[in-house]
PDB file of N, CA and C in Angstrom:
ATOM      1  N   MET A   1      -2.927  10.543 -16.680  1.00  0.00           N
ATOM      2  CA  MET A   1      -2.805  10.449 -15.237  1.00  0.00           C
ATOM      3  C   MET A   1      -2.081   9.181 -14.824  1.00  0.00           C
ATOM      4  N   SER A   2      -2.311   8.082 -15.534  1.00  0.00           N
ATOM      5  CA  SER A   2      -1.721   6.812 -15.120  1.00  0.00           C
ATOM      6  C   SER A   2      -0.204   6.811 -15.247  1.00  0.00           C
ATOM      7  N   LYS A   3       0.331   7.495 -16.246  1.00  0.00           N
ATOM      8  CA  LYS A   3       1.787   7.574 -16.379  1.00  0.00           C
ATOM      9  C   LYS A   3       2.382   8.336 -15.192  1.00  0.00           C
ATOM     10  N   VAL A   4       1.704   9.365 -14.751  1.00  0.00           N
ATOM     11  CA  VAL A   4       2.168  10.141 -13.606  1.00  0.00           C
ATOM     12  C   VAL A   4       2.137   9.282 -12.342  1.00  0.00           C
ATOM     13  N   LEU A   5       1.067   8.507 -12.156  1.00  0.00           N
ATOM     14  CA  LEU A   5       0.977   7.617 -10.998  1.00  0.00           C
ATOM     15  C   LEU A   5       2.107   6.601 -11.022  1.00  0.00           C
ATOM     16  N   GLN A   6       2.388   6.014 -12.182  1.00  0.00           N
ATOM     17  CA  GLN A   6       3.484   5.054 -12.308  1.00  0.00           C
ATOM     18  C   GLN A   6       4.808   5.708 -11.923  1.00  0.00           C
ATOM     19  N   GLU A   7       5.040   6.921 -12.377  1.00  0.00           N
ATOM     20  CA  GLU A   7       6.274   7.645 -12.056  1.00  0.00           C
ATOM     21  C   GLU A   7       6.373   7.931 -10.560  1.00  0.00           C
ATOM     22  N   LYS A   8       5.266   8.310  -9.947  1.00  0.00           N
ATOM     23  CA  LYS A   8       5.251   8.587  -8.498  1.00  0.00           C
ATOM     24  C   LYS A   8       5.544   7.311  -7.702  1.00  0.00           C
ATOM     25  N   ILE A   9       4.965   6.200  -8.121  1.00  0.00           N
ATOM     26  CA  ILE A   9       5.220   4.921  -7.452  1.00  0.00           C
ATOM     27  C   ILE A   9       6.682   4.537  -7.595  1.00  0.00           C
ATOM     28  N   ASP A  10       7.224   4.656  -8.799  1.00  0.00           N
ATOM     29  CA  ASP A  10       8.631   4.323  -9.038  1.00  0.00           C
ATOM     30  C   ASP A  10       9.559   5.201  -8.197  1.00  0.00           C
ATOM     31  N   LYS A  11       9.252   6.496  -8.129  1.00  0.00           N
ATOM     32  CA  LYS A  11      10.073   7.422  -7.338  1.00  0.00           C
ATOM     33  C   LYS A  11       9.993   7.072  -5.851  1.00  0.00           C
ATOM     34  N   LEU A  12       8.795   6.778  -5.370  1.00  0.00           N
ATOM     35  CA  LEU A  12       8.621   6.402  -3.966  1.00  0.00           C
ATOM     36  C   LEU A  12       9.421   5.145  -3.652  1.00  0.00           C
ATOM     37  N   PHE A  13       9.366   4.171  -4.542  1.00  0.00           N
ATOM     38  CA  PHE A  13      10.104   2.932  -4.339  1.00  0.00           C
ATOM     39  C   PHE A  13      11.614   3.200  -4.295  1.00  0.00           C
ATOM     40  N   GLU A  14      12.119   3.918  -5.272  1.00  0.00           N
ATOM     41  CA  GLU A  14      13.556   4.202  -5.333  1.00  0.00           C
ATOM     42  C   GLU A  14      14.020   4.994  -4.112  1.00  0.00           C
ATOM     43  N   THR A  15      13.184   5.887  -3.636  1.00  0.00           N
ATOM     44  CA  THR A  15      13.539   6.733  -2.497  1.00  0.00           C
ATOM     45  C   THR A  15      13.533   5.968  -1.182  1.00  0.00           C
ATOM     46  N   THR A  16      12.648   4.996  -1.050  1.00  0.00           N
ATOM     47  CA  THR A  16      12.461   4.334   0.251  1.00  0.00           C
ATOM     48  C   THR A  16      13.012   2.919   0.347  1.00  0.00           C
ATOM     49  N   LYS A  17      13.406   2.322  -0.755  1.00  0.00           N
ATOM     50  CA  LYS A  17      13.758   0.894  -0.724  1.00  0.00           C
ATOM     51  C   LYS A  17      14.927   0.560   0.206  1.00  0.00           C
ATOM     52  N   ASP A  18      15.832   1.486   0.416  1.00  0.00           N
ATOM     53  CA  ASP A  18      16.988   1.210   1.279  1.00  0.00           C
ATOM     54  C   ASP A  18      16.876   1.834   2.662  1.00  0.00           C
ATOM     55  N   LEU A  19      15.779   2.497   2.953  1.00  0.00           N
ATOM     56  CA  LEU A  19      15.604   3.119   4.267  1.00  0.00           C
ATOM     57  C   LEU A  19      15.285   2.041   5.298  1.00  0.00           C
ATOM     58  N   ARG A  20      15.748   2.259   6.524  1.00  0.00           N
ATOM     59  CA  ARG A  20      15.631   1.220   7.542  1.00  0.00           C
ATOM     60  C   ARG A  20      14.986   1.677   8.842  1.00  0.00           C
ATOM     61  N   SER A  21      14.116   2.674   8.760  1.00  0.00           N
ATOM     62  CA  SER A  21      13.373   3.030   9.969  1.00  0.00           C
ATOM     63  C   SER A  21      12.047   3.676   9.598  1.00  0.00           C
ATOM     64  N   PHE A  22      11.098   3.498  10.474  1.00  0.00           N
ATOM     65  CA  PHE A  22       9.771   4.085  10.292  1.00  0.00           C
ATOM     66  C   PHE A  22       9.884   5.597  10.122  1.00  0.00           C
ATOM     67  N   GLU A  23      10.731   6.228  10.951  1.00  0.00           N
ATOM     68  CA  GLU A  23      10.884   7.677  10.932  1.00  0.00           C
ATOM     69  C   GLU A  23      11.446   8.178   9.611  1.00  0.00           C
ATOM     70  N   GLU A  24      12.286   7.397   8.961  1.00  0.00           N
ATOM     71  CA  GLU A  24      12.830   7.788   7.658  1.00  0.00           C
ATOM     72  C   GLU A  24      11.794   7.611   6.543  1.00  0.00           C
ATOM     73  N   ILE A  25      10.984   6.591   6.655  1.00  0.00           N
ATOM     74  CA  ILE A  25      10.037   6.231   5.596  1.00  0.00           C
ATOM     75  C   ILE A  25       8.770   7.092   5.638  1.00  0.00           C
ATOM     76  N   LYS A  26       8.278   7.397   6.827  1.00  0.00           N
ATOM     77  CA  LYS A  26       6.992   8.081   6.983  1.00  0.00           C
ATOM     78  C   LYS A  26       6.888   9.398   6.212  1.00  0.00           C
ATOM     79  N   PRO A  27       7.882  10.302   6.242  1.00  0.00           N
ATOM     80  CA  PRO A  27       7.728  11.565   5.495  1.00  0.00           C
ATOM     81  C   PRO A  27       7.509  11.367   3.992  1.00  0.00           C
ATOM     82  N   HIS A  28       8.111  10.337   3.423  1.00  0.00           N
ATOM     83  CA  HIS A  28       7.934  10.046   1.999  1.00  0.00           C
ATOM     84  C   HIS A  28       6.491   9.599   1.729  1.00  0.00           C
ATOM     85  N   CYS A  29       5.941   8.810   2.648  1.00  0.00           N
ATOM     86  CA  CYS A  29       4.550   8.363   2.505  1.00  0.00           C
ATOM     87  C   CYS A  29       3.581   9.532   2.689  1.00  0.00           C
ATOM     88  N   ASP A  30       3.898  10.406   3.628  1.00  0.00           N
ATOM     89  CA  ASP A  30       3.044  11.578   3.835  1.00  0.00           C
ATOM     90  C   ASP A  30       2.963  12.411   2.556  1.00  0.00           C
ATOM     91  N   ARG A  31       4.107  12.639   1.898  1.00  0.00           N
ATOM     92  CA  ARG A  31       4.122  13.413   0.654  1.00  0.00           C
ATOM     93  C   ARG A  31       3.362  12.688  -0.457  1.00  0.00           C
ATOM     94  N   PHE A  32       3.548  11.363  -0.559  1.00  0.00           N
ATOM     95  CA  PHE A  32       2.845  10.577  -1.571  1.00  0.00           C
ATOM     96  C   PHE A  32       1.337  10.652  -1.341  1.00  0.00           C
ATOM     97  N   ASN A  33       0.913  10.510  -0.087  1.00  0.00           N
ATOM     98  CA  ASN A  33      -0.515  10.564   0.240  1.00  0.00           C
ATOM     99  C   ASN A  33      -1.105  11.952  -0.024  1.00  0.00           C
ATOM    100  N   GLU A  34      -0.340  13.000   0.262  1.00  0.00           N
ATOM    101  CA  GLU A  34      -0.807  14.354  -0.043  1.00  0.00           C
ATOM    102  C   GLU A  34      -1.027  14.499  -1.542  1.00  0.00           C
ATOM    103  N   TRP A  35      -0.094  13.990  -2.326  1.00  0.00           N
ATOM    104  CA  TRP A  35      -0.239  14.049  -3.780  1.00  0.00           C
ATOM    105  C   TRP A  35      -1.477  13.249  -4.211  1.00  0.00           C
ATOM    106  N   LEU A  36      -1.644  12.040  -3.657  1.00  0.00           N
ATOM    107  CA  LEU A  36      -2.806  11.216  -4.007  1.00  0.00           C
ATOM    108  C   LEU A  36      -4.119  11.924  -3.691  1.00  0.00           C
ATOM    109  N   ASN A  37      -4.149  12.604  -2.556  1.00  0.00           N
ATOM    110  CA  ASN A  37      -5.374  13.298  -2.155  1.00  0.00           C
ATOM    111  C   ASN A  37      -5.755  14.412  -3.124  1.00  0.00           C
ATOM    112  N   ASP A  38      -4.776  14.955  -3.829  1.00  0.00           N
ATOM    113  CA  ASP A  38      -5.037  16.010  -4.812  1.00  0.00           C
ATOM    114  C   ASP A  38      -5.467  15.452  -6.168  1.00  0.00           C
ATOM    115  N   GLN A  39      -5.436  14.140  -6.317  1.00  0.00           N
ATOM    116  CA  GLN A  39      -5.805  13.504  -7.581  1.00  0.00           C
ATOM    117  C   GLN A  39      -7.270  13.110  -7.550  1.00  0.00           C
ATOM    118  N   SER A  40      -7.765  12.596  -8.645  1.00  0.00           N
ATOM    119  CA  SER A  40      -9.195  12.284  -8.759  1.00  0.00           C
ATOM    120  C   SER A  40      -9.518  10.806  -8.547  1.00  0.00           C
ATOM    121  N   TYR A  41      -8.631  10.054  -7.907  1.00  0.00           N
ATOM    122  CA  TYR A  41      -8.893   8.634  -7.688  1.00  0.00           C
ATOM    123  C   TYR A  41      -9.922   8.452  -6.578  1.00  0.00           C
ATOM    124  N   SER A  42     -10.877   7.562  -6.806  1.00  0.00           N
ATOM    125  CA  SER A  42     -11.836   7.240  -5.757  1.00  0.00           C
ATOM    126  C   SER A  42     -11.243   6.137  -4.875  1.00  0.00           C
ATOM    127  N   GLN A  43     -11.760   6.035  -3.668  1.00  0.00           N
ATOM    128  CA  GLN A  43     -11.301   4.971  -2.766  1.00  0.00           C
ATOM    129  C   GLN A  43     -11.603   3.594  -3.357  1.00  0.00           C
ATOM    130  N   ALA A  44     -12.659   3.498  -4.142  1.00  0.00           N
ATOM    131  CA  ALA A  44     -13.046   2.213  -4.725  1.00  0.00           C
ATOM    132  C   ALA A  44     -12.069   1.753  -5.812  1.00  0.00           C
ATOM    133  N   THR A  45     -11.388   2.685  -6.479  1.00  0.00           N
ATOM    134  CA  THR A  45     -10.487   2.293  -7.576  1.00  0.00           C
ATOM    135  C   THR A  45      -9.007   2.458  -7.251  1.00  0.00           C
ATOM    136  N   LEU A  46      -8.686   3.159  -6.181  1.00  0.00           N
ATOM    137  CA  LEU A  46      -7.286   3.445  -5.880  1.00  0.00           C
ATOM    138  C   LEU A  46      -6.460   2.182  -5.688  1.00  0.00           C
ATOM    139  N   GLY A  47      -6.963   1.225  -4.931  1.00  0.00           N
ATOM    140  CA  GLY A  47      -6.228  -0.022  -4.708  1.00  0.00           C
ATOM    141  C   GLY A  47      -5.947  -0.762  -6.007  1.00  0.00           C
ATOM    142  N   THR A  48      -6.917  -0.758  -6.898  1.00  0.00           N
ATOM    143  CA  THR A  48      -6.753  -1.402  -8.199  1.00  0.00           C
ATOM    144  C   THR A  48      -5.664  -0.702  -9.002  1.00  0.00           C
ATOM    145  N   LYS A  49      -5.684   0.621  -8.991  1.00  0.00           N
ATOM    146  CA  LYS A  49      -4.668   1.400  -9.719  1.00  0.00           C
ATOM    147  C   LYS A  49      -3.277   1.138  -9.140  1.00  0.00           C
ATOM    148  N   LEU A  50      -3.160   1.184  -7.822  1.00  0.00           N
ATOM    149  CA  LEU A  50      -1.857   0.948  -7.184  1.00  0.00           C
ATOM    150  C   LEU A  50      -1.348  -0.444  -7.527  1.00  0.00           C
ATOM    151  N   SER A  51      -2.224  -1.417  -7.474  1.00  0.00           N
ATOM    152  CA  SER A  51      -1.838  -2.792  -7.790  1.00  0.00           C
ATOM    153  C   SER A  51      -1.435  -2.928  -9.260  1.00  0.00           C
ATOM    154  N   ALA A  52      -2.206  -2.315 -10.141  1.00  0.00           N
ATOM    155  CA  ALA A  52      -1.921  -2.405 -11.582  1.00  0.00           C
ATOM    156  C   ALA A  52      -0.552  -1.837 -11.934  1.00  0.00           C
ATOM    157  N   TYR A  53      -0.104  -0.842 -11.178  1.00  0.00           N
ATOM    158  CA  TYR A  53       1.195  -0.226 -11.453  1.00  0.00           C
ATOM    159  C   TYR A  53       2.309  -0.792 -10.580  1.00  0.00           C
ATOM    160  N   GLY A  54       2.056  -1.934  -9.945  1.00  0.00           N
ATOM    161  CA  GLY A  54       3.104  -2.661  -9.240  1.00  0.00           C
ATOM    162  C   GLY A  54       3.483  -2.149  -7.877  1.00  0.00           C
ATOM    163  N   PHE A  55       2.650  -1.294  -7.293  1.00  0.00           N
ATOM    164  CA  PHE A  55       2.964  -0.708  -5.994  1.00  0.00           C
ATOM    165  C   PHE A  55       3.244  -1.780  -4.944  1.00  0.00           C
ATOM    166  N   TYR A  56       2.311  -2.695  -4.750  1.00  0.00           N
ATOM    167  CA  TYR A  56       2.452  -3.700  -3.692  1.00  0.00           C
ATOM    168  C   TYR A  56       3.554  -4.708  -4.027  1.00  0.00           C
ATOM    169  N   LYS A  57       3.651  -5.096  -5.271  1.00  0.00           N
ATOM    170  CA  LYS A  57       4.659  -6.061  -5.702  1.00  0.00           C
ATOM    171  C   LYS A  57       6.067  -5.527  -5.483  1.00  0.00           C
ATOM    172  N   LYS A  58       6.280  -4.247  -5.771  1.00  0.00           N
ATOM    173  CA  LYS A  58       7.596  -3.641  -5.589  1.00  0.00           C
ATOM    174  C   LYS A  58       8.050  -3.761  -4.140  1.00  0.00           C
ATOM    175  N   PHE A  59       7.142  -3.446  -3.218  1.00  0.00           N
ATOM    176  CA  PHE A  59       7.534  -3.435  -1.813  1.00  0.00           C
ATOM    177  C   PHE A  59       7.589  -4.835  -1.209  1.00  0.00           C
ATOM    178  N   LYS A  60       6.970  -5.811  -1.858  1.00  0.00           N
ATOM    179  CA  LYS A  60       7.133  -7.201  -1.423  1.00  0.00           C
ATOM    180  C   LYS A  60       8.487  -7.750  -1.866  1.00  0.00           C
ATOM    181  N   SER A  61       9.083  -7.133  -2.884  1.00  0.00           N
ATOM    182  CA  SER A  61      10.351  -7.629  -3.422  1.00  0.00           C
ATOM    183  C   SER A  61      11.549  -7.251  -2.552  1.00  0.00           C
ATOM    184  N   ILE A  62      11.354  -6.342  -1.621  1.00  0.00           N
ATOM    185  CA  ILE A  62      12.434  -5.896  -0.734  1.00  0.00           C
ATOM    186  C   ILE A  62      12.569  -6.875   0.430  1.00  0.00           C
ATOM    187  N   ARG A  63      13.794  -7.096   0.866  1.00  0.00           N
ATOM    188  CA  ARG A  63      14.002  -7.927   2.068  1.00  0.00           C
ATOM    189  C   ARG A  63      13.401  -7.189   3.261  1.00  0.00           C
ATOM    190  N   LEU A  64      12.395  -7.802   3.866  1.00  0.00           N
ATOM    191  CA  LEU A  64      11.674  -7.160   4.959  1.00  0.00           C
ATOM    192  C   LEU A  64      12.264  -7.555   6.304  1.00  0.00           C
ATOM    193  N   GLU A  65      12.413  -6.554   7.173  1.00  0.00           N
ATOM    194  CA  GLU A  65      12.941  -6.783   8.515  1.00  0.00           C
ATOM    195  C   GLU A  65      12.023  -6.090   9.514  1.00  0.00           C
ATOM    196  N   GLN A  66      11.426  -6.894  10.385  1.00  0.00           N
ATOM    197  CA  GLN A  66      10.481  -6.356  11.353  1.00  0.00           C
ATOM    198  C   GLN A  66      11.158  -5.294  12.212  1.00  0.00           C
ATOM    199  N   GLY A  67      10.476  -4.144  12.349  1.00  0.00           N
ATOM    200  CA  GLY A  67      10.991  -3.055  13.160  1.00  0.00           C
ATOM    201  C   GLY A  67      11.973  -2.154  12.436  1.00  0.00           C
ATOM    202  N   LYS A  68      12.415  -2.559  11.267  1.00  0.00           N
ATOM    203  CA  LYS A  68      13.337  -1.723  10.489  1.00  0.00           C
ATOM    204  C   LYS A  68      12.624  -1.125   9.286  1.00  0.00           C
ATOM    205  N   ASN A  69      12.065  -1.983   8.434  1.00  0.00           N
ATOM    206  CA  ASN A  69      11.336  -1.475   7.278  1.00  0.00           C
ATOM    207  C   ASN A  69       9.958  -2.131   7.136  1.00  0.00           C
ATOM    208  N   ALA A  70       9.594  -2.939   8.136  1.00  0.00           N
ATOM    209  CA  ALA A  70       8.332  -3.672   8.035  1.00  0.00           C
ATOM    210  C   ALA A  70       7.720  -3.910   9.413  1.00  0.00           C
ATOM    211  N   GLU A  71       6.443  -4.268   9.372  1.00  0.00           N
ATOM    212  CA  GLU A  71       5.717  -4.588  10.593  1.00  0.00           C
ATOM    213  C   GLU A  71       4.962  -5.892  10.378  1.00  0.00           C
ATOM    214  N   ALA A  72       4.864  -6.698  11.420  1.00  0.00           N
ATOM    215  CA  ALA A  72       4.109  -7.940  11.347  1.00  0.00           C
ATOM    216  C   ALA A  72       2.619  -7.605  11.487  1.00  0.00           C
ATOM    217  N   ILE A  73       1.840  -8.070  10.520  1.00  0.00           N
ATOM    218  CA  ILE A  73       0.408  -7.798  10.476  1.00  0.00           C
ATOM    219  C   ILE A  73      -0.341  -9.129  10.574  1.00  0.00           C
ATOM    220  N   ASP A  74      -1.379  -9.154  11.398  1.00  0.00           N
ATOM    221  CA  ASP A  74      -2.191 -10.367  11.517  1.00  0.00           C
ATOM    222  C   ASP A  74      -2.924 -10.658  10.219  1.00  0.00           C
ATOM    223  N   LYS A  75      -2.971 -11.943   9.866  1.00  0.00           N
ATOM    224  CA  LYS A  75      -3.780 -12.400   8.730  1.00  0.00           C
ATOM    225  C   LYS A  75      -4.979 -13.130   9.320  1.00  0.00           C
ATOM    226  N   HIS A  76      -6.143 -12.925   8.710  1.00  0.00           N
ATOM    227  CA  HIS A  76      -7.376 -13.502   9.237  1.00  0.00           C
ATOM    228  C   HIS A  76      -8.029 -14.436   8.226  1.00  0.00           C
ATOM    229  N   ASP A  77      -8.757 -15.420   8.751  1.00  0.00           N
ATOM    230  CA  ASP A  77      -9.533 -16.297   7.869  1.00  0.00           C
ATOM    231  C   ASP A  77     -10.895 -15.649   7.610  1.00  0.00           C
ATOM    232  N   ALA A  78     -11.747 -16.344   6.899  1.00  0.00           N
ATOM    233  CA  ALA A  78     -13.054 -15.795   6.512  1.00  0.00           C
ATOM    234  C   ALA A  78     -13.930 -15.450   7.719  1.00  0.00           C
ATOM    235  N   GLU A  79     -13.718 -16.143   8.826  1.00  0.00           N
ATOM    236  CA  GLU A  79     -14.513 -15.883  10.031  1.00  0.00           C
ATOM    237  C   GLU A  79     -13.907 -14.782  10.895  1.00  0.00           C
ATOM    238  N   GLY A  80     -12.768 -14.244  10.488  1.00  0.00           N
ATOM    239  CA  GLY A  80     -12.131 -13.177  11.252  1.00  0.00           C
ATOM    240  C   GLY A  80     -11.136 -13.649  12.291  1.00  0.00           C
ATOM    241  N   ASN A  81     -10.880 -14.958  12.332  1.00  0.00           N
ATOM    242  CA  ASN A  81      -9.909 -15.491  13.282  1.00  0.00           C
ATOM    243  C   ASN A  81      -8.497 -15.294  12.752  1.00  0.00           C
ATOM    244  N   VAL A  82      -7.568 -14.964  13.648  1.00  0.00           N
ATOM    245  CA  VAL A  82      -6.175 -14.791  13.244  1.00  0.00           C
ATOM    246  C   VAL A  82      -5.621 -16.151  12.857  1.00  0.00           C
ATOM    247  N   LYS A  83      -5.062 -16.239  11.650  1.00  0.00           N
ATOM    248  CA  LYS A  83      -4.497 -17.514  11.191  1.00  0.00           C
ATOM    249  C   LYS A  83      -2.984 -17.448  11.030  1.00  0.00           C
ATOM    250  N   GLY A  84      -2.403 -16.287  11.274  1.00  0.00           N
ATOM    251  CA  GLY A  84      -0.959 -16.122  11.171  1.00  0.00           C
ATOM    252  C   GLY A  84      -0.604 -14.657  11.024  1.00  0.00           C
ATOM    253  N   THR A  85       0.648 -14.412  10.716  1.00  0.00           N
ATOM    254  CA  THR A  85       1.106 -13.045  10.494  1.00  0.00           C
ATOM    255  C   THR A  85       1.915 -12.983   9.212  1.00  0.00           C
ATOM    256  N   GLU A  86       2.034 -11.774   8.682  1.00  0.00           N
ATOM    257  CA  GLU A  86       2.891 -11.539   7.529  1.00  0.00           C
ATOM    258  C   GLU A  86       3.594 -10.205   7.724  1.00  0.00           C
ATOM    259  N   LEU A  87       4.795 -10.094   7.192  1.00  0.00           N
ATOM    260  CA  LEU A  87       5.499  -8.826   7.234  1.00  0.00           C
ATOM    261  C   LEU A  87       5.048  -7.961   6.072  1.00  0.00           C
ATOM    262  N   LYS A  88       4.788  -6.685   6.363  1.00  0.00           N
ATOM    263  CA  LYS A  88       4.432  -5.718   5.324  1.00  0.00           C
ATOM    264  C   LYS A  88       5.358  -4.522   5.459  1.00  0.00           C
ATOM    265  N   HIS A  89       5.871  -4.079   4.320  1.00  0.00           N
ATOM    266  CA  HIS A  89       6.735  -2.901   4.296  1.00  0.00           C
ATOM    267  C   HIS A  89       5.946  -1.700   4.805  1.00  0.00           C
ATOM    268  N   TYR A  90       6.639  -0.809   5.514  1.00  0.00           N
ATOM    269  CA  TYR A  90       5.970   0.376   6.045  1.00  0.00           C
ATOM    270  C   TYR A  90       5.274   1.178   4.950  1.00  0.00           C
ATOM    271  N   VAL A  91       5.872   1.243   3.763  1.00  0.00           N
ATOM    272  CA  VAL A  91       5.240   2.003   2.675  1.00  0.00           C
ATOM    273  C   VAL A  91       3.887   1.396   2.312  1.00  0.00           C
ATOM    274  N   ALA A  92       3.804   0.075   2.260  1.00  0.00           N
ATOM    275  CA  ALA A  92       2.531  -0.578   1.929  1.00  0.00           C
ATOM    276  C   ALA A  92       1.487  -0.333   3.020  1.00  0.00           C
ATOM    277  N   LEU A  93       1.942  -0.084   4.238  1.00  0.00           N
ATOM    278  CA  LEU A  93       1.022   0.189   5.344  1.00  0.00           C
ATOM    279  C   LEU A  93       0.615   1.662   5.415  1.00  0.00           C
ATOM    280  N   LEU A  94       1.531   2.544   5.055  1.00  0.00           N
ATOM    281  CA  LEU A  94       1.298   3.975   5.238  1.00  0.00           C
ATOM    282  C   LEU A  94       0.787   4.703   4.007  1.00  0.00           C
ATOM    283  N   CYS A  95       1.100   4.202   2.840  1.00  0.00           N
ATOM    284  CA  CYS A  95       0.755   4.901   1.603  1.00  0.00           C
ATOM    285  C   CYS A  95      -0.482   4.296   0.955  1.00  0.00           C
ATOM    286  N   GLY A  96      -1.229   5.151   0.290  1.00  0.00           N
ATOM    287  CA  GLY A  96      -2.379   4.661  -0.472  1.00  0.00           C
ATOM    288  C   GLY A  96      -3.614   4.527   0.379  1.00  0.00           C
ATOM    289  N   LEU A  97      -4.193   3.345   0.375  1.00  0.00           N
ATOM    290  CA  LEU A  97      -5.462   3.112   1.078  1.00  0.00           C
ATOM    291  C   LEU A  97      -5.282   2.995   2.579  1.00  0.00           C
ATOM    292  N   ASN A  98      -6.176   3.633   3.329  1.00  0.00           N
ATOM    293  CA  ASN A  98      -6.234   3.418   4.765  1.00  0.00           C
ATOM    294  C   ASN A  98      -7.257   2.312   5.031  1.00  0.00           C
ATOM    295  N   LYS A  99      -7.500   1.985   6.285  1.00  0.00           N
ATOM    296  CA  LYS A  99      -8.433   0.887   6.593  1.00  0.00           C
ATOM    297  C   LYS A  99      -9.826   1.147   6.018  1.00  0.00           C
ATOM    298  N   GLU A 100     -10.293   2.371   6.108  1.00  0.00           N
ATOM    299  CA  GLU A 100     -11.614   2.704   5.561  1.00  0.00           C
ATOM    300  C   GLU A 100     -11.616   2.555   4.043  1.00  0.00           C
ATOM    301  N   GLY A 101     -10.514   2.960   3.408  1.00  0.00           N
ATOM    302  CA  GLY A 101     -10.398   2.819   1.958  1.00  0.00           C
ATOM    303  C   GLY A 101     -10.398   1.371   1.522  1.00  0.00           C
ATOM    304  N   VAL A 102      -9.783   0.513   2.310  1.00  0.00           N
ATOM    305  CA  VAL A 102      -9.766  -0.914   1.994  1.00  0.00           C
ATOM    306  C   VAL A 102     -11.185  -1.474   2.053  1.00  0.00           C
ATOM    307  N   LYS A 103     -11.952  -1.053   3.061  1.00  0.00           N
ATOM    308  CA  LYS A 103     -13.345  -1.510   3.167  1.00  0.00           C
ATOM    309  C   LYS A 103     -14.149  -1.073   1.944  1.00  0.00           C
ATOM    310  N   VAL A 104     -13.984   0.174   1.536  1.00  0.00           N
ATOM    311  CA  VAL A 104     -14.699   0.692   0.364  1.00  0.00           C
ATOM    312  C   VAL A 104     -14.292  -0.076  -0.883  1.00  0.00           C
ATOM    313  N   ALA A 105     -12.986  -0.310  -1.026  1.00  0.00           N
ATOM    314  CA  ALA A 105     -12.485  -1.026  -2.208  1.00  0.00           C
ATOM    315  C   ALA A 105     -13.032  -2.451  -2.269  1.00  0.00           C
ATOM    316  N   LYS A 106     -13.159  -3.098  -1.115  1.00  0.00           N
ATOM    317  CA  LYS A 106     -13.682  -4.467  -1.096  1.00  0.00           C
ATOM    318  C   LYS A 106     -15.152  -4.529  -1.484  1.00  0.00           C
ATOM    319  N   LEU A 107     -15.839  -3.415  -1.365  1.00  0.00           N
ATOM    320  CA  LEU A 107     -17.252  -3.364  -1.728  1.00  0.00           C
ATOM    321  C   LEU A 107     -17.471  -2.844  -3.152  1.00  0.00           C
ATOM    322  N   SER A 108     -16.381  -2.515  -3.842  1.00  0.00           N
ATOM    323  CA  SER A 108     -16.507  -1.964  -5.194  1.00  0.00           C
ATOM    324  C   SER A 108     -17.041  -3.027  -6.153  1.00  0.00           C
ATOM    325  N   PRO A 109     -17.647  -2.607  -7.254  1.00  0.00           N
ATOM    326  CA  PRO A 109     -18.167  -3.577  -8.233  1.00  0.00           C
ATOM    327  C   PRO A 109     -17.079  -4.516  -8.776  1.00  0.00           C
ATOM    328  N   ALA A 110     -15.870  -4.005  -8.977  1.00  0.00           N
ATOM    329  CA  ALA A 110     -14.797  -4.867  -9.496  1.00  0.00           C
ATOM    330  C   ALA A 110     -14.447  -5.965  -8.502  1.00  0.00           C
ATOM    331  N   ALA A 111     -14.366  -5.618  -7.227  1.00  0.00           N
ATOM    332  CA  ALA A 111     -14.065  -6.630  -6.211  1.00  0.00           C
ATOM    333  C   ALA A 111     -15.190  -7.638  -6.095  1.00  0.00           C
ATOM    334  N   THR A 112     -16.406  -7.155  -6.150  1.00  0.00           N
ATOM    335  CA  THR A 112     -17.571  -8.040  -6.060  1.00  0.00           C
ATOM    336  C   THR A 112     -17.606  -9.021  -7.226  1.00  0.00           C
ATOM    337  N   ARG A 113     -17.288  -8.549  -8.428  1.00  0.00           N
ATOM    338  CA  ARG A 113     -17.262  -9.435  -9.597  1.00  0.00           C
ATOM    339  C   ARG A 113     -16.208 -10.526  -9.442  1.00  0.00           C
ATOM    340  N   ARG A 114     -15.071 -10.203  -8.838  1.00  0.00           N
ATOM    341  CA  ARG A 114     -14.008 -11.208  -8.656  1.00  0.00           C
ATOM    342  C   ARG A 114     -14.460 -12.321  -7.720  1.00  0.00           C
ATOM    343  N   LEU A 115     -15.305 -11.988  -6.767  1.00  0.00           N
ATOM    344  CA  LEU A 115     -15.803 -12.984  -5.814  1.00  0.00           C
ATOM    345  C   LEU A 115     -16.846 -13.843  -6.499  1.00  0.00           C
TER     346      LEU A 115
END
């Protein structure tokens, strides 16, 4: 399964890396998410798997342009106060974990051990 996930991530990256609008990128993420939903990954391990196969790193390597291929996202400190913003590629925002999935992943045993 992991080789297939790596191939899907690589294909998604190659397909979307030069796209410059939300409307162009979103259909690719929808297809990727549909495929993910048919797999056996739990919300607690999906983020780890995506990270292990370079999903987030790949999309950080692209030149990000707000409103074209990225969106400015608030960064928060431990108390929840906004401490700044960062640009995130639309694929990193739309594909993989949703907000609920991120919460589940942060409560996973692997995340807890890292803390």
